[in-house]
Amino acid sequence: RNLLVISPDMGAMERAKYFAELLGVDVGVYYKRRDLS
């Protein structure tokens, strides 16, 4: 109950959305800001 599905990065978002769809809940995501240098 009172669930939320989270993707730890943008690459896993489709997988998280599928879990959220099965559970009938909302989904959130984290964006990993990286040091490209």
All heavy atoms as atom14 arrays in JSON, in Angstrom:
{
  "sequence": "RNLLVISPDMGAMERAKYFAELLGVDVGVYYKRRDLS",
  "atom14_mask": [
    [1, 1, 1, 1, 1, 1, 1, 1, 1, 1, 1, 0, 0, 0],
    [1, 1, 1, 1, 1, 1, 1, 1, 0, 0, 0, 0, 0, 0],
    [1, 1, 1, 1, 1, 1, 1, 1, 0, 0, 0, 0, 0, 0],
    [1, 1, 1, 1, 1, 1, 1, 1, 0, 0, 0, 0, 0, 0],
    [1, 1, 1, 1, 1, 1, 1, 0, 0, 0, 0, 0, 0, 0],
    [1, 1, 1, 1, 1, 1, 1, 1, 0, 0, 0, 0, 0, 0],
    [1, 1, 1, 1, 1, 1, 0, 0, 0, 0, 0, 0, 0, 0],
    [1, 1, 1, 1, 1, 1, 1, 0, 0, 0, 0, 0, 0, 0],
    [1, 1, 1, 1, 1, 1, 1, 1, 0, 0, 0, 0, 0, 0],
    [1, 1, 1, 1, 1, 1, 1, 1, 0, 0, 0, 0, 0, 0],
    [1, 1, 1, 1, 0, 0, 0, 0, 0, 0, 0, 0, 0, 0],
    [1, 1, 1, 1, 1, 0, 0, 0, 0, 0, 0, 0, 0, 0],
    [1, 1, 1, 1, 1, 1, 1, 1, 0, 0, 0, 0, 0, 0],
    [1, 1, 1, 1, 1, 1, 1, 1, 1, 0, 0, 0, 0, 0],
    [1, 1, 1, 1, 1, 1, 1, 1, 1, 1, 1, 0, 0, 0],
    [1, 1, 1, 1, 1, 0, 0, 0, 0, 0, 0, 0, 0, 0],
    [1, 1, 1, 1, 1, 1, 1, 1, 1, 0, 0, 0, 0, 0],
    [1, 1, 1, 1, 1, 1, 1, 1, 1, 1, 1, 1, 0, 0],
    [1, 1, 1, 1, 1, 1, 1, 1, 1, 1, 1, 0, 0, 0],
    [1, 1, 1, 1, 1, 0, 0, 0, 0, 0, 0, 0, 0, 0],
    [1, 1, 1, 1, 1, 1, 1, 1, 1, 0, 0, 0, 0, 0],
    [1, 1, 1, 1, 1, 1, 1, 1, 0, 0, 0, 0, 0, 0],
    [1, 1, 1, 1, 1, 1, 1, 1, 0, 0, 0, 0, 0, 0],
    [1, 1, 1, 1, 0, 0, 0, 0, 0, 0, 0, 0, 0, 0],
    [1, 1, 1, 1, 1, 1, 1, 0, 0, 0, 0, 0, 0, 0],
    [1, 1, 1, 1, 1, 1, 1, 1, 0, 0, 0, 0, 0, 0],
    [1, 1, 1, 1, 1, 1, 1, 0, 0, 0, 0, 0, 0, 0],
    [1, 1, 1, 1, 0, 0, 0, 0, 0, 0, 0, 0, 0, 0],
    [1, 1, 1, 1, 1, 1, 1, 0, 0, 0, 0, 0, 0, 0],
    [1, 1, 1, 1, 1, 1, 1, 1, 1, 1, 1, 1, 0, 0],
    [1, 1, 1, 1, 1, 1, 1, 1, 1, 1, 1, 1, 0, 0],
    [1, 1, 1, 1, 1, 1, 1, 1, 1, 0, 0, 0, 0, 0],
    [1, 1, 1, 1, 1, 1, 1, 1, 1, 1, 1, 0, 0, 0],
    [1, 1, 1, 1, 1, 1, 1, 1, 1, 1, 1, 0, 0, 0],
    [1, 1, 1, 1, 1, 1, 1, 1, 0, 0, 0, 0, 0, 0],
    [1, 1, 1, 1, 1, 1, 1, 1, 0, 0, 0, 0, 0, 0],
    [1, 1, 1, 1, 1, 1, 0, 0, 0, 0, 0, 0, 0, 0]
  ],
  "atom14_positions": [
    [[0.84, -1.2, 0.0], [0.0, 0.0, 0.0], [0.87, 1.25, 0.0], [2.01, 1.23, 0.46], [-0.91, -0.01, 1.22], [-1.97, -1.11, 1.19], [-2.67, -1.23, 2.52], [-1.75, -1.67, 3.57], [-2.11, -1.9, 4.82], [-3.37, -1.72, 5.18], [-1.22, -2.29, 5.71], [0.0, 0.0, 0.0], [0.0, 0.0, 0.0], [0.0, 0.0, 0.0]],
    [[0.33, 2.33, -0.53], [1.03, 3.62, -0.53], [2.4, 3.51, -1.2], [3.4, 3.98, -0.68], [1.17, 4.13, 0.91], [1.36, 5.63, 0.97], [0.95, 6.36, 0.07], [2.0, 6.1, 2.03], [0.0, 0.0, 0.0], [0.0, 0.0, 0.0], [0.0, 0.0, 0.0], [0.0, 0.0, 0.0], [0.0, 0.0, 0.0], [0.0, 0.0, 0.0]],
    [[2.4, 2.89, -2.37], [3.65, 2.59, -3.08], [4.03, 3.67, -4.09], [3.18, 4.36, -4.63], [3.52, 1.27, -3.84], [3.97, -0.03, -3.18], [3.75, -1.19, -4.15], [5.43, 0.02, -2.75], [0.0, 0.0, 0.0], [0.0, 0.0, 0.0], [0.0, 0.0, 0.0], [0.0, 0.0, 0.0], [0.0, 0.0, 0.0], [0.0, 0.0, 0.0]],
    [[5.32, 3.74, -4.37], [5.86, 4.54, -5.45], [7.05, 3.78, -6.03], [7.88, 3.25, -5.28], [6.32, 5.91, -4.94], [6.9, 6.9, -5.95], [5.85, 7.34, -6.97], [7.46, 8.13, -5.22], [0.0, 0.0, 0.0], [0.0, 0.0, 0.0], [0.0, 0.0, 0.0], [0.0, 0.0, 0.0], [0.0, 0.0, 0.0], [0.0, 0.0, 0.0]],
    [[7.12, 3.69, -7.35], [8.25, 3.02, -8.01], [9.24, 4.08, -8.48], [8.84, 5.1, -9.07], [7.78, 2.16, -9.2], [8.98, 1.55, -9.93], [6.84, 1.06, -8.73], [0.0, 0.0, 0.0], [0.0, 0.0, 0.0], [0.0, 0.0, 0.0], [0.0, 0.0, 0.0], [0.0, 0.0, 0.0], [0.0, 0.0, 0.0], [0.0, 0.0, 0.0]],
    [[10.52, 3.83, -8.23], [11.57, 4.79, -8.58], [12.59, 4.13, -9.49], [13.04, 3.0, -9.23], [12.29, 5.32, -7.33], [11.32, 6.09, -6.43], [13.48, 6.19, -7.71], [10.87, 7.42, -6.97], [0.0, 0.0, 0.0], [0.0, 0.0, 0.0], [0.0, 0.0, 0.0], [0.0, 0.0, 0.0], [0.0, 0.0, 0.0], [0.0, 0.0, 0.0]],
    [[12.97, 4.83, -10.56], [14.1, 4.41, -11.39], [15.35, 5.14, -10.9], [15.34, 6.37, -10.76], [13.84, 4.75, -12.86], [14.99, 4.51, -13.64], [0.0, 0.0, 0.0], [0.0, 0.0, 0.0], [0.0, 0.0, 0.0], [0.0, 0.0, 0.0], [0.0, 0.0, 0.0], [0.0, 0.0, 0.0], [0.0, 0.0, 0.0], [0.0, 0.0, 0.0]],
    [[16.46, 4.42, -10.63], [17.66, 5.08, -10.1], [18.41, 5.91, -11.13], [19.31, 6.67, -10.78], [18.52, 3.9, -9.61], [18.1, 2.76, -10.49], [16.63, 2.96, -10.75], [0.0, 0.0, 0.0], [0.0, 0.0, 0.0], [0.0, 0.0, 0.0], [0.0, 0.0, 0.0], [0.0, 0.0, 0.0], [0.0, 0.0, 0.0], [0.0, 0.0, 0.0]],
    [[18.05, 5.74, -12.42], [18.64, 6.55, -13.48], [17.72, 6.53, -14.69], [16.73, 5.8, -14.73], [20.05, 6.05, -13.85], [20.08, 4.58, -14.22], [19.17, 4.14, -14.97], [20.98, 3.86, -13.77], [0.0, 0.0, 0.0], [0.0, 0.0, 0.0], [0.0, 0.0, 0.0], [0.0, 0.0, 0.0], [0.0, 0.0, 0.0], [0.0, 0.0, 0.0]],
    [[18.05, 7.35, -15.68], [17.18, 7.47, -16.86], [17.14, 6.16, -17.65], [16.13, 5.83, -18.27], [17.68, 8.61, -17.76], [17.74, 9.97, -17.06], [16.19, 10.52, -16.34], [15.27, 10.94, -17.81], [0.0, 0.0, 0.0], [0.0, 0.0, 0.0], [0.0, 0.0, 0.0], [0.0, 0.0, 0.0], [0.0, 0.0, 0.0], [0.0, 0.0, 0.0]],
    [[18.23, 5.4, -17.63], [18.31, 4.16, -18.41], [17.36, 3.08, -17.94], [16.99, 2.2, -18.72], [0.0, 0.0, 0.0], [0.0, 0.0, 0.0], [0.0, 0.0, 0.0], [0.0, 0.0, 0.0], [0.0, 0.0, 0.0], [0.0, 0.0, 0.0], [0.0, 0.0, 0.0], [0.0, 0.0, 0.0], [0.0, 0.0, 0.0], [0.0, 0.0, 0.0]],
    [[16.97, 3.12, -16.67], [16.09, 2.07, -16.12], [14.62, 2.51, -16.09], [13.78, 1.82, -15.52], [16.55, 1.7, -14.71], [0.0, 0.0, 0.0], [0.0, 0.0, 0.0], [0.0, 0.0, 0.0], [0.0, 0.0, 0.0], [0.0, 0.0, 0.0], [0.0, 0.0, 0.0], [0.0, 0.0, 0.0], [0.0, 0.0, 0.0], [0.0, 0.0, 0.0]],
    [[14.32, 3.64, -16.72], [12.97, 4.22, -16.62], [11.9, 3.31, -17.22], [10.82, 3.15, -16.64], [12.95, 5.59, -17.3], [11.67, 6.36, -17.07], [11.32, 6.62, -15.32], [9.78, 7.51, -15.41], [0.0, 0.0, 0.0], [0.0, 0.0, 0.0], [0.0, 0.0, 0.0], [0.0, 0.0, 0.0], [0.0, 0.0, 0.0], [0.0, 0.0, 0.0]],
    [[12.16, 2.7, -18.37], [11.16, 1.83, -18.99], [10.82, 0.65, -18.09], [9.67, 0.25, -17.97], [11.65, 1.33, -20.36], [11.57, 2.35, -21.47], [10.14, 2.83, -21.72], [9.22, 1.98, -21.75], [9.94, 4.05, -21.85], [0.0, 0.0, 0.0], [0.0, 0.0, 0.0], [0.0, 0.0, 0.0], [0.0, 0.0, 0.0], [0.0, 0.0, 0.0]],
    [[11.83, 0.12, -17.44], [11.63, -1.02, -16.53], [10.79, -0.58, -15.33], [9.87, -1.28, -14.91], [13.0, -1.54, -16.09], [12.97, -2.81, -15.26], [14.38, -3.28, -14.95], [15.04, -3.78, -16.16], [15.92, -3.09, -16.88], [16.24, -1.86, -16.52], [16.48, -3.6, -17.94], [0.0, 0.0, 0.0], [0.0, 0.0, 0.0], [0.0, 0.0, 0.0]],
    [[11.11, 0.6, -14.78], [10.37, 1.12, -13.64], [8.91, 1.41, -14.01], [7.99, 1.13, -13.23], [11.04, 2.39, -13.11], [0.0, 0.0, 0.0], [0.0, 0.0, 0.0], [0.0, 0.0, 0.0], [0.0, 0.0, 0.0], [0.0, 0.0, 0.0], [0.0, 0.0, 0.0], [0.0, 0.0, 0.0], [0.0, 0.0, 0.0], [0.0, 0.0, 0.0]],
    [[8.7, 1.93, -15.2], [7.34, 2.22, -15.66], [6.51, 0.94, -15.76], [5.32, 0.93, -15.45], [7.38, 2.92, -17.03], [7.74, 4.39, -16.96], [8.04, 4.98, -18.32], [6.84, 4.91, -19.25], [7.14, 5.51, -20.57], [0.0, 0.0, 0.0], [0.0, 0.0, 0.0], [0.0, 0.0, 0.0], [0.0, 0.0, 0.0], [0.0, 0.0, 0.0]],
    [[7.16, -0.14, -16.18], [6.44, -1.42, -16.28], [6.03, -1.92, -14.9], [4.89, -2.37, -14.71], [7.31, -2.44, -16.99], [6.61, -3.76, -17.24], [5.5, -3.83, -18.08], [7.03, -4.92, -16.62], [4.84, -5.02, -18.31], [6.38, -6.13, -16.84], [5.29, -6.17, -17.68], [4.63, -7.35, -17.89], [0.0, 0.0, 0.0], [0.0, 0.0, 0.0]],
    [[6.93, -1.83, -13.92], [6.6, -2.22, -12.55], [5.45, -1.36, -12.03], [4.52, -1.87, -11.39], [7.83, -2.06, -11.64], [8.7, -3.27, -11.56], [9.56, -3.61, -12.59], [8.67, -4.09, -10.44], [10.37, -4.73, -12.51], [9.48, -5.22, -10.34], [10.33, -5.54, -11.39], [0.0, 0.0, 0.0], [0.0, 0.0, 0.0], [0.0, 0.0, 0.0]],
    [[5.52, -0.05, -12.29], [4.49, 0.86, -11.81], [3.14, 0.54, -12.44], [2.09, 0.59, -11.78], [4.9, 2.31, -12.12], [0.0, 0.0, 0.0], [0.0, 0.0, 0.0], [0.0, 0.0, 0.0], [0.0, 0.0, 0.0], [0.0, 0.0, 0.0], [0.0, 0.0, 0.0], [0.0, 0.0, 0.0], [0.0, 0.0, 0.0], [0.0, 0.0, 0.0]],
    [[3.16, 0.17, -13.72], [1.92, -0.18, -14.42], [1.3, -1.43, -13.82], [0.08, -1.5, -13.61], [2.22, -0.41, -15.9], [1.0, -0.81, -16.73], [1.35, -1.18, -18.15], [2.5, -0.94, -18.57], [0.48, -1.73, -18.84], [0.0, 0.0, 0.0], [0.0, 0.0, 0.0], [0.0, 0.0, 0.0], [0.0, 0.0, 0.0], [0.0, 0.0, 0.0]],
    [[2.12, -2.42, -13.52], [1.6, -3.66, -12.91], [1.0, -3.4, -11.53], [0.01, -4.01, -11.15], [2.72, -4.69, -12.8], [3.2, -5.36, -14.09], [4.42, -6.22, -13.83], [2.1, -6.2, -14.71], [0.0, 0.0, 0.0], [0.0, 0.0, 0.0], [0.0, 0.0, 0.0], [0.0, 0.0, 0.0], [0.0, 0.0, 0.0], [0.0, 0.0, 0.0]],
    [[1.62, -2.48, -10.79], [1.18, -2.21, -9.43], [0.13, -1.1, -9.35], [-0.46, -0.87, -8.3], [2.39, -1.83, -8.56], [3.41, -2.95, -8.33], [4.73, -2.39, -7.82], [2.85, -3.98, -7.36], [0.0, 0.0, 0.0], [0.0, 0.0, 0.0], [0.0, 0.0, 0.0], [0.0, 0.0, 0.0], [0.0, 0.0, 0.0], [0.0, 0.0, 0.0]],
    [[-0.07, -0.4, -10.48], [-1.06, 0.68, -10.51], [-0.67, 1.87, -9.68], [-1.51, 2.47, -8.99], [0.0, 0.0, 0.0], [0.0, 0.0, 0.0], [0.0, 0.0, 0.0], [0.0, 0.0, 0.0], [0.0, 0.0, 0.0], [0.0, 0.0, 0.0], [0.0, 0.0, 0.0], [0.0, 0.0, 0.0], [0.0, 0.0, 0.0], [0.0, 0.0, 0.0]],
    [[0.64, 2.24, -9.74], [1.14, 3.35, -8.92], [1.93, 4.33, -9.78], [2.19, 4.08, -10.96], [2.03, 2.83, -7.77], [1.23, 1.89, -6.86], [3.27, 2.14, -8.29], [0.0, 0.0, 0.0], [0.0, 0.0, 0.0], [0.0, 0.0, 0.0], [0.0, 0.0, 0.0], [0.0, 0.0, 0.0], [0.0, 0.0, 0.0], [0.0, 0.0, 0.0]],
    [[2.34, 5.45, -9.16], [3.11, 6.47, -9.85], [4.58, 6.05, -9.94], [5.02, 5.13, -9.25], [2.98, 7.8, -9.11], [3.37, 9.0, -9.96], [3.67, 8.81, -11.17], [3.39, 10.12, -9.43], [0.0, 0.0, 0.0], [0.0, 0.0, 0.0], [0.0, 0.0, 0.0], [0.0, 0.0, 0.0], [0.0, 0.0, 0.0], [0.0, 0.0, 0.0]],
    [[5.32, 6.75, -10.8], [6.74, 6.43, -10.99], [7.57, 7.71, -10.97], [7.11, 8.76, -11.44], [6.95, 5.66, -12.32], [6.57, 6.5, -13.52], [8.4, 5.18, -12.47], [0.0, 0.0, 0.0], [0.0, 0.0, 0.0], [0.0, 0.0, 0.0], [0.0, 0.0, 0.0], [0.0, 0.0, 0.0], [0.0, 0.0, 0.0], [0.0, 0.0, 0.0]],
    [[8.76, 7.64, -10.39], [9.7, 8.75, -10.38], [11.05, 8.3, -10.89], [11.28, 7.1, -11.1], [0.0, 0.0, 0.0], [0.0, 0.0, 0.0], [0.0, 0.0, 0.0], [0.0, 0.0, 0.0], [0.0, 0.0, 0.0], [0.0, 0.0, 0.0], [0.0, 0.0, 0.0], [0.0, 0.0, 0.0], [0.0, 0.0, 0.0], [0.0, 0.0, 0.0]],
    [[11.97, 9.24, -11.08], [13.28, 8.9, -11.65], [14.35, 9.82, -11.1], [14.08, 10.97, -10.76], [13.23, 8.99, -13.2], [12.93, 10.41, -13.66], [14.52, 8.46, -13.83], [0.0, 0.0, 0.0], [0.0, 0.0, 0.0], [0.0, 0.0, 0.0], [0.0, 0.0, 0.0], [0.0, 0.0, 0.0], [0.0, 0.0, 0.0], [0.0, 0.0, 0.0]],
    [[15.55, 9.27, -11.01], [16.72, 10.07, -10.65], [17.58, 10.31, -11.89], [17.77, 9.4, -12.7], [17.56, 9.37, -9.57], [17.08, 9.63, -8.17], [16.1, 8.83, -7.6], [17.59, 10.68, -7.41], [15.63, 9.07, -6.32], [17.15, 10.92, -6.13], [16.16, 10.12, -5.59], [15.72, 10.37, -4.33], [0.0, 0.0, 0.0], [0.0, 0.0, 0.0]],
    [[18.07, 11.52, -12.0], [19.01, 11.86, -13.07], [20.4, 11.91, -12.45], [20.64, 12.64, -11.48], [18.66, 13.21, -13.69], [19.74, 13.77, -14.6], [20.04, 13.15, -15.81], [20.46, 14.91, -14.24], [21.04, 13.65, -16.63], [21.46, 15.41, -15.05], [21.75, 14.77, -16.25], [22.73, 15.26, -17.05], [0.0, 0.0, 0.0], [0.0, 0.0, 0.0]],
    [[21.3, 11.11, -12.99], [22.68, 11.09, -12.48], [23.49, 12.19, -13.16], [23.77, 12.12, -14.35], [23.34, 9.73, -12.77], [22.77, 8.57, -12.0], [23.49, 7.28, -12.37], [22.94, 6.08, -11.62], [23.6, 4.82, -12.02], [0.0, 0.0, 0.0], [0.0, 0.0, 0.0], [0.0, 0.0, 0.0], [0.0, 0.0, 0.0], [0.0, 0.0, 0.0]],
    [[23.83, 13.22, -12.39], [24.69, 14.27, -12.94], [26.14, 13.85, -12.74], [26.59, 13.64, -11.62], [24.42, 15.61, -12.24], [25.07, 16.8, -12.96], [24.44, 18.1, -12.52], [24.8, 18.46, -11.16], [25.92, 19.13, -10.85], [26.78, 19.5, -11.79], [26.17, 19.42, -9.59], [0.0, 0.0, 0.0], [0.0, 0.0, 0.0], [0.0, 0.0, 0.0]],
    [[26.85, 13.69, -13.86], [28.21, 13.15, -13.83], [29.26, 14.21, -14.16], [28.98, 15.19, -14.86], [28.35, 11.98, -14.83], [27.48, 10.78, -14.48], [27.67, 9.66, -15.5], [26.88, 8.47, -15.21], [27.26, 7.46, -14.44], [28.46, 7.5, -13.88], [26.47, 6.43, -14.24], [0.0, 0.0, 0.0], [0.0, 0.0, 0.0], [0.0, 0.0, 0.0]],
    [[30.45, 13.97, -13.66], [31.61, 14.81, -14.01], [32.22, 14.25, -15.29], [32.95, 13.26, -15.27], [32.63, 14.79, -12.87], [33.81, 15.73, -13.13], [33.91, 16.26, -14.27], [34.62, 15.93, -12.22], [0.0, 0.0, 0.0], [0.0, 0.0, 0.0], [0.0, 0.0, 0.0], [0.0, 0.0, 0.0], [0.0, 0.0, 0.0], [0.0, 0.0, 0.0]],
    [[31.9, 14.88, -16.41], [32.33, 14.37, -17.71], [33.81, 14.63, -17.99], [34.34, 14.17, -18.99], [31.48, 15.0, -18.82], [29.97, 14.75, -18.7], [29.23, 15.41, -19.86], [29.66, 13.25, -18.67], [0.0, 0.0, 0.0], [0.0, 0.0, 0.0], [0.0, 0.0, 0.0], [0.0, 0.0, 0.0], [0.0, 0.0, 0.0], [0.0, 0.0, 0.0]],
    [[34.48, 15.35, -17.09], [35.91, 15.64, -17.28], [36.8, 14.55, -16.71], [38.01, 14.56, -16.9], [36.26, 16.98, -16.63], [36.14, 16.91, -15.21], [0.0, 0.0, 0.0], [0.0, 0.0, 0.0], [0.0, 0.0, 0.0], [0.0, 0.0, 0.0], [0.0, 0.0, 0.0], [0.0, 0.0, 0.0], [0.0, 0.0, 0.0], [0.0, 0.0, 0.0]]
  ]
}
